[in-house]
Amino acid sequence: MSKLLLLVIEFFKTGLFAVGGGLATIPFLEEISWKYHWYSIKDLTTMIAISESTPGPMGVNMATYVGYSAFGIFGGIVTTLALVAPGIIVIISVAKVLDRFKQSKIVEWIFYSIRPAVVGFILAACIGIFTGSLLQIDIFSKSRNITDLFNYVNILIFVTVFALYKRFKMNPVLVIAGCAVVGIVLRL
């Protein structure tokens, strides 16, 4: 099977089962990373940061990024279409029958049960991204020195942003822009 067709199938599947929006795509994207090695978990955290910082839905932005990285502009377009196609199909299908089943207890129970599952997927993905951003497991596995486990710069940025946002309710755009500047300065 060609790599492009595999990419389309994986993103179609992601679009079909990622109930809950952009954050719900993260576990699927982690699985794609582990399964095919088209991008690393570090690349995934970068994609999430970029997707959250740019206009548009995060899942769509990430699909476009992965497709573009693998196959250029054509790959970006095809992968994005593969991700959104299931949603379009489901919305059209549901819209036709929603009025009939709107009051159904079974439908209510189904959605009641799906919500915690979606939250579980999102939390699991967040924990993976959290540890991937703040810990240096690859370095730690080589040295086994506990001090090498932590990415102190990223931890400092995380704690500072968390405290500023919680205490002063700072505008997220300003915080992200400030972190971008800090990243540039620290890498010079």
C-alpha atoms as a PDB file:
ATOM      1  CA  MET A   1       0.000   0.000   0.000  1.00  0.00           C
ATOM      2  CA  SER A   2       1.385   3.397  -0.896  1.00  0.00           C
ATOM      3  CA  LYS A   3       2.422   5.768   1.870  1.00  0.00           C
ATOM      4  CA  LEU A   4      -0.031   8.440   0.633  1.00  0.00           C
ATOM      5  CA  LEU A   5      -2.979   6.023   0.715  1.00  0.00           C
ATOM      6  CA  LEU A   6      -1.927   4.884   4.198  1.00  0.00           C
ATOM      7  CA  LEU A   7      -1.777   8.526   5.313  1.00  0.00           C
ATOM      8  CA  VAL A   8      -5.276   9.154   3.918  1.00  0.00           C
ATOM      9  CA  ILE A   9      -6.681   6.050   5.648  1.00  0.00           C
ATOM     10  CA  GLU A  10      -5.114   6.962   8.998  1.00  0.00           C
ATOM     11  CA  PHE A  11      -6.417  10.541   8.884  1.00  0.00           C
ATOM     12  CA  PHE A  12      -9.857   9.422   7.686  1.00  0.00           C
ATOM     13  CA  LYS A  13      -9.952   7.064  10.674  1.00  0.00           C
ATOM     14  CA  THR A  14      -8.814   9.906  12.940  1.00  0.00           C
ATOM     15  CA  GLY A  15     -11.534  12.183  11.618  1.00  0.00           C
ATOM     16  CA  LEU A  16     -14.126   9.458  12.055  1.00  0.00           C
ATOM     17  CA  PHE A  17     -13.319   8.574  15.657  1.00  0.00           C
ATOM     18  CA  ALA A  18     -11.819  11.767  17.141  1.00  0.00           C
ATOM     19  CA  VAL A  19     -15.029  12.774  18.876  1.00  0.00           C
ATOM     20  CA  GLY A  20     -14.545  16.019  20.788  1.00  0.00           C
ATOM     21  CA  GLY A  21     -12.586  18.236  18.438  1.00  0.00           C
ATOM     22  CA  GLY A  22      -8.922  18.985  17.871  1.00  0.00           C
ATOM     23  CA  LEU A  23      -7.579  17.774  21.210  1.00  0.00           C
ATOM     24  CA  ALA A  24      -9.259  14.427  20.631  1.00  0.00           C
ATOM     25  CA  THR A  25      -7.041  13.919  17.557  1.00  0.00           C
ATOM     26  CA  ILE A  26      -3.894  13.875  19.704  1.00  0.00           C
ATOM     27  CA  PRO A  27      -4.091  10.208  20.801  1.00  0.00           C
ATOM     28  CA  PHE A  28      -4.593   9.193  17.172  1.00  0.00           C
ATOM     29  CA  LEU A  29      -1.633  11.315  16.085  1.00  0.00           C
ATOM     30  CA  GLU A  30       0.499   9.748  18.828  1.00  0.00           C
ATOM     31  CA  GLU A  31      -0.466   6.304  17.573  1.00  0.00           C
ATOM     32  CA  ILE A  32       0.364   7.271  13.977  1.00  0.00           C
ATOM     33  CA  SER A  33       3.765   8.516  15.177  1.00  0.00           C
ATOM     34  CA  TRP A  34       4.543   5.251  16.984  1.00  0.00           C
ATOM     35  CA  LYS A  35       3.203   3.081  14.188  1.00  0.00           C
ATOM     36  CA  TYR A  36       4.735   4.723  11.101  1.00  0.00           C
ATOM     37  CA  HIS A  37       7.484   7.031  12.409  1.00  0.00           C
ATOM     38  CA  TRP A  38       6.444   9.790   9.989  1.00  0.00           C
ATOM     39  CA  TYR A  39       7.126  12.276  12.791  1.00  0.00           C
ATOM     40  CA  SER A  40       8.438  12.061  16.336  1.00  0.00           C
ATOM     41  CA  ILE A  41       6.589  12.856  19.566  1.00  0.00           C
ATOM     42  CA  LYS A  42       8.760  15.985  19.749  1.00  0.00           C
ATOM     43  CA  ASP A  43       7.478  16.935  16.272  1.00  0.00           C
ATOM     44  CA  LEU A  44       3.953  16.291  17.558  1.00  0.00           C
ATOM     45  CA  THR A  45       4.391  18.724  20.444  1.00  0.00           C
ATOM     46  CA  THR A  46       5.702  21.302  17.973  1.00  0.00           C
ATOM     47  CA  MET A  47       2.703  20.670  15.710  1.00  0.00           C
ATOM     48  CA  ILE A  48       0.354  21.148  18.652  1.00  0.00           C
ATOM     49  CA  ALA A  49       2.034  24.428  19.588  1.00  0.00           C
ATOM     50  CA  ILE A  50       1.841  25.682  16.008  1.00  0.00           C
ATOM     51  CA  SER A  51      -1.735  24.451  15.560  1.00  0.00           C
ATOM     52  CA  GLU A  52      -2.865  26.136  18.762  1.00  0.00           C
ATOM     53  CA  SER A  53      -1.124  29.364  17.717  1.00  0.00           C
ATOM     54  CA  THR A  54      -2.579  29.589  14.214  1.00  0.00           C
ATOM     55  CA  PRO A  55      -6.139  30.240  13.075  1.00  0.00           C
ATOM     56  CA  GLY A  56      -8.350  27.281  12.362  1.00  0.00           C
ATOM     57  CA  PRO A  57      -9.194  23.986  14.034  1.00  0.00           C
ATOM     58  CA  MET A  58      -6.228  22.241  15.603  1.00  0.00           C
ATOM     59  CA  GLY A  59      -6.934  18.829  14.062  1.00  0.00           C
ATOM     60  CA  VAL A  60      -7.171  20.316  10.580  1.00  0.00           C
ATOM     61  CA  ASN A  61      -3.969  22.301  11.077  1.00  0.00           C
ATOM     62  CA  MET A  62      -2.152  19.189  12.272  1.00  0.00           C
ATOM     63  CA  ALA A  63      -3.438  17.046   9.395  1.00  0.00           C
ATOM     64  CA  THR A  64      -2.311  19.698   6.933  1.00  0.00           C
ATOM     65  CA  TYR A  65       1.109  19.891   8.585  1.00  0.00           C
ATOM     66  CA  VAL A  66       1.657  16.118   8.549  1.00  0.00           C
ATOM     67  CA  GLY A  67       0.442  15.777   4.956  1.00  0.00           C
ATOM     68  CA  TYR A  68       2.576  18.680   3.820  1.00  0.00           C
ATOM     69  CA  SER A  69       5.637  17.307   5.651  1.00  0.00           C
ATOM     70  CA  ALA A  70       5.226  13.921   3.983  1.00  0.00           C
ATOM     71  CA  PHE A  71       4.057  14.892   0.462  1.00  0.00           C
ATOM     72  CA  GLY A  72       4.204  18.657   0.028  1.00  0.00           C
ATOM     73  CA  ILE A  73       1.181  20.772  -0.905  1.00  0.00           C
ATOM     74  CA  PHE A  74      -0.732  17.856  -2.452  1.00  0.00           C
ATOM     75  CA  GLY A  75      -0.225  15.779   0.693  1.00  0.00           C
ATOM     76  CA  GLY A  76      -1.414  18.638   2.878  1.00  0.00           C
ATOM     77  CA  ILE A  77      -4.616  19.032   0.868  1.00  0.00           C
ATOM     78  CA  VAL A  78      -5.368  15.301   0.655  1.00  0.00           C
ATOM     79  CA  THR A  79      -4.663  14.663   4.340  1.00  0.00           C
ATOM     80  CA  THR A  80      -6.830  17.593   5.396  1.00  0.00           C
ATOM     81  CA  LEU A  81      -9.695  16.374   3.210  1.00  0.00           C
ATOM     82  CA  ALA A  82      -9.293  12.862   4.656  1.00  0.00           C
ATOM     83  CA  LEU A  83      -9.607  14.253   8.185  1.00  0.00           C
ATOM     84  CA  VAL A  84     -12.707  16.387   7.551  1.00  0.00           C
ATOM     85  CA  ALA A  85     -14.566  14.000   5.200  1.00  0.00           C
ATOM     86  CA  PRO A  86     -15.920  11.749   7.990  1.00  0.00           C
ATOM     87  CA  GLY A  87     -17.258  14.776   9.875  1.00  0.00           C
ATOM     88  CA  ILE A  88     -19.034  16.051   6.794  1.00  0.00           C
ATOM     89  CA  ILE A  89     -20.514  12.605   6.094  1.00  0.00           C
ATOM     90  CA  VAL A  90     -21.644  12.164   9.702  1.00  0.00           C
ATOM     91  CA  ILE A  91     -23.144  15.670   9.933  1.00  0.00           C
ATOM     92  CA  ILE A  92     -25.142  15.195   6.745  1.00  0.00           C
ATOM     93  CA  SER A  93     -26.326  11.761   7.906  1.00  0.00           C
ATOM     94  CA  VAL A  94     -27.179  12.875  11.432  1.00  0.00           C
ATOM     95  CA  ALA A  95     -28.970  16.010  10.265  1.00  0.00           C
ATOM     96  CA  LYS A  96     -31.407  13.874   8.304  1.00  0.00           C
ATOM     97  CA  VAL A  97     -32.354  11.660  11.256  1.00  0.00           C
ATOM     98  CA  LEU A  98     -31.656  13.884  14.275  1.00  0.00           C
ATOM     99  CA  ASP A  99     -35.202  15.112  14.692  1.00  0.00           C
ATOM    100  CA  ARG A 100     -36.448  11.530  14.869  1.00  0.00           C
ATOM    101  CA  PHE A 101     -33.974  10.467  17.576  1.00  0.00           C
ATOM    102  CA  LYS A 102     -33.492  13.752  19.441  1.00  0.00           C
ATOM    103  CA  GLN A 103     -35.589  12.628  22.418  1.00  0.00           C
ATOM    104  CA  SER A 104     -34.305   9.042  22.462  1.00  0.00           C
ATOM    105  CA  LYS A 105     -32.982   7.856  25.832  1.00  0.00           C
ATOM    106  CA  ILE A 106     -30.587   5.468  24.072  1.00  0.00           C
ATOM    107  CA  VAL A 107     -28.986   8.312  22.113  1.00  0.00           C
ATOM    108  CA  GLU A 108     -28.745  10.335  25.339  1.00  0.00           C
ATOM    109  CA  TRP A 109     -27.059   7.401  27.122  1.00  0.00           C
ATOM    110  CA  ILE A 110     -24.634   6.892  24.247  1.00  0.00           C
ATOM    111  CA  PHE A 111     -23.466  10.511  24.348  1.00  0.00           C
ATOM    112  CA  TYR A 112     -23.378  10.434  28.145  1.00  0.00           C
ATOM    113  CA  SER A 113     -20.955   7.490  27.954  1.00  0.00           C
ATOM    114  CA  ILE A 114     -18.839   8.880  25.135  1.00  0.00           C
ATOM    115  CA  ARG A 115     -18.010  12.128  26.976  1.00  0.00           C
ATOM    116  CA  PRO A 116     -15.832  10.611  29.731  1.00  0.00           C
ATOM    117  CA  ALA A 117     -14.068   8.418  27.164  1.00  0.00           C
ATOM    118  CA  VAL A 118     -13.160  11.507  25.131  1.00  0.00           C
ATOM    119  CA  VAL A 119     -11.906  13.270  28.269  1.00  0.00           C
ATOM    120  CA  GLY A 120      -9.806  10.183  29.080  1.00  0.00           C
ATOM    121  CA  PHE A 121      -8.211  10.217  25.623  1.00  0.00           C
ATOM    122  CA  ILE A 122      -7.491  13.939  25.867  1.00  0.00           C
ATOM    123  CA  LEU A 123      -6.021  13.608  29.378  1.00  0.00           C
ATOM    124  CA  ALA A 124      -3.804  10.685  28.326  1.00  0.00           C
ATOM    125  CA  ALA A 125      -2.533  12.700  25.353  1.00  0.00           C
ATOM    126  CA  CYS A 126      -1.963  15.769  27.532  1.00  0.00           C
ATOM    127  CA  ILE A 127       0.099  13.738  30.001  1.00  0.00           C
ATOM    128  CA  GLY A 128       2.215  12.411  27.138  1.00  0.00           C
ATOM    129  CA  ILE A 129       2.756  15.906  25.749  1.00  0.00           C
ATOM    130  CA  PHE A 130       3.406  17.287  29.243  1.00  0.00           C
ATOM    131  CA  THR A 131       6.132  14.748  29.951  1.00  0.00           C
ATOM    132  CA  GLY A 132       7.535  15.065  26.420  1.00  0.00           C
ATOM    133  CA  SER A 133       7.853  18.829  26.843  1.00  0.00           C
ATOM    134  CA  LEU A 134       9.230  18.942  30.382  1.00  0.00           C
ATOM    135  CA  LEU A 135      11.295  15.774  30.582  1.00  0.00           C
ATOM    136  CA  GLN A 136      14.275  14.647  28.506  1.00  0.00           C
ATOM    137  CA  ILE A 137      13.697  10.908  28.574  1.00  0.00           C
ATOM    138  CA  ASP A 138      16.033  10.249  25.628  1.00  0.00           C
ATOM    139  CA  ILE A 139      18.943  11.955  27.414  1.00  0.00           C
ATOM    140  CA  PHE A 140      18.019  10.359  30.762  1.00  0.00           C
ATOM    141  CA  SER A 141      18.045   6.839  29.305  1.00  0.00           C
ATOM    142  CA  LYS A 142      21.663   7.326  28.223  1.00  0.00           C
ATOM    143  CA  SER A 143      23.065   8.891  31.401  1.00  0.00           C
ATOM    144  CA  ARG A 144      20.741   7.622  34.186  1.00  0.00           C
ATOM    145  CA  ASN A 145      21.563  10.820  36.113  1.00  0.00           C
ATOM    146  CA  ILE A 146      18.285  12.057  37.617  1.00  0.00           C
ATOM    147  CA  THR A 147      19.215  15.705  36.988  1.00  0.00           C
ATOM    148  CA  ASP A 148      19.395  14.966  33.247  1.00  0.00           C
ATOM    149  CA  LEU A 149      15.752  13.879  33.258  1.00  0.00           C
ATOM    150  CA  PHE A 150      14.366  17.411  33.564  1.00  0.00           C
ATOM    151  CA  ASN A 151      14.295  20.100  30.894  1.00  0.00           C
ATOM    152  CA  TYR A 152      14.760  22.982  33.333  1.00  0.00           C
ATOM    153  CA  VAL A 153      14.227  25.766  30.805  1.00  0.00           C
ATOM    154  CA  ASN A 154      10.910  24.313  29.673  1.00  0.00           C
ATOM    155  CA  ILE A 155       9.840  23.696  33.280  1.00  0.00           C
ATOM    156  CA  LEU A 156      10.635  27.320  34.148  1.00  0.00           C
ATOM    157  CA  ILE A 157       8.664  28.559  31.139  1.00  0.00           C
ATOM    158  CA  PHE A 158       5.743  26.261  32.021  1.00  0.00           C
ATOM    159  CA  VAL A 159       5.613  27.343  35.676  1.00  0.00           C
ATOM    160  CA  THR A 160       5.935  31.028  34.742  1.00  0.00           C
ATOM    161  CA  VAL A 161       3.196  30.871  32.098  1.00  0.00           C
ATOM    162  CA  PHE A 162       0.922  28.854  34.374  1.00  0.00           C
ATOM    163  CA  ALA A 163       1.406  31.296  37.263  1.00  0.00           C
ATOM    164  CA  LEU A 164       0.977  34.399  35.077  1.00  0.00           C
ATOM    165  CA  TYR A 165      -2.146  33.047  33.464  1.00  0.00           C
ATOM    166  CA  LYS A 166      -3.719  31.866  36.725  1.00  0.00           C
ATOM    167  CA  ARG A 167      -2.809  34.987  38.703  1.00  0.00           C
ATOM    168  CA  PHE A 168      -3.226  37.770  36.145  1.00  0.00           C
ATOM    169  CA  LYS A 169      -5.445  36.134  33.478  1.00  0.00           C
ATOM    170  CA  MET A 170      -3.015  37.397  30.849  1.00  0.00           C
ATOM    171  CA  ASN A 171      -4.055  37.357  27.223  1.00  0.00           C
ATOM    172  CA  PRO A 172      -2.960  33.983  25.769  1.00  0.00           C
ATOM    173  CA  VAL A 173      -1.799  35.655  22.546  1.00  0.00           C
ATOM    174  CA  LEU A 174       0.615  37.842  24.511  1.00  0.00           C
ATOM    175  CA  VAL A 175       1.839  34.868  26.529  1.00  0.00           C
ATOM    176  CA  ILE A 176       2.458  32.771  23.387  1.00  0.00           C
ATOM    177  CA  ALA A 177       4.217  35.692  21.687  1.00  0.00           C
ATOM    178  CA  GLY A 178       6.348  36.214  24.789  1.00  0.00           C
ATOM    179  CA  CYS A 179       7.284  32.542  24.873  1.00  0.00           C
ATOM    180  CA  ALA A 180       8.217  32.681  21.196  1.00  0.00           C
ATOM    181  CA  VAL A 181      10.571  35.566  21.945  1.00  0.00           C
ATOM    182  CA  VAL A 182      12.047  33.676  24.919  1.00  0.00           C
ATOM    183  CA  GLY A 183      12.579  30.626  22.690  1.00  0.00           C
ATOM    184  CA  ILE A 184      14.400  32.714  20.101  1.00  0.00           C
ATOM    185  CA  VAL A 185      16.591  34.421  22.723  1.00  0.00           C
ATOM    186  CA  LEU A 186      17.466  31.145  24.465  1.00  0.00           C
ATOM    187  CA  ARG A 187      18.437  29.426  21.221  1.00  0.00           C
ATOM    188  CA  LEU A 188      20.723  32.267  19.994  1.00  0.00           C
END
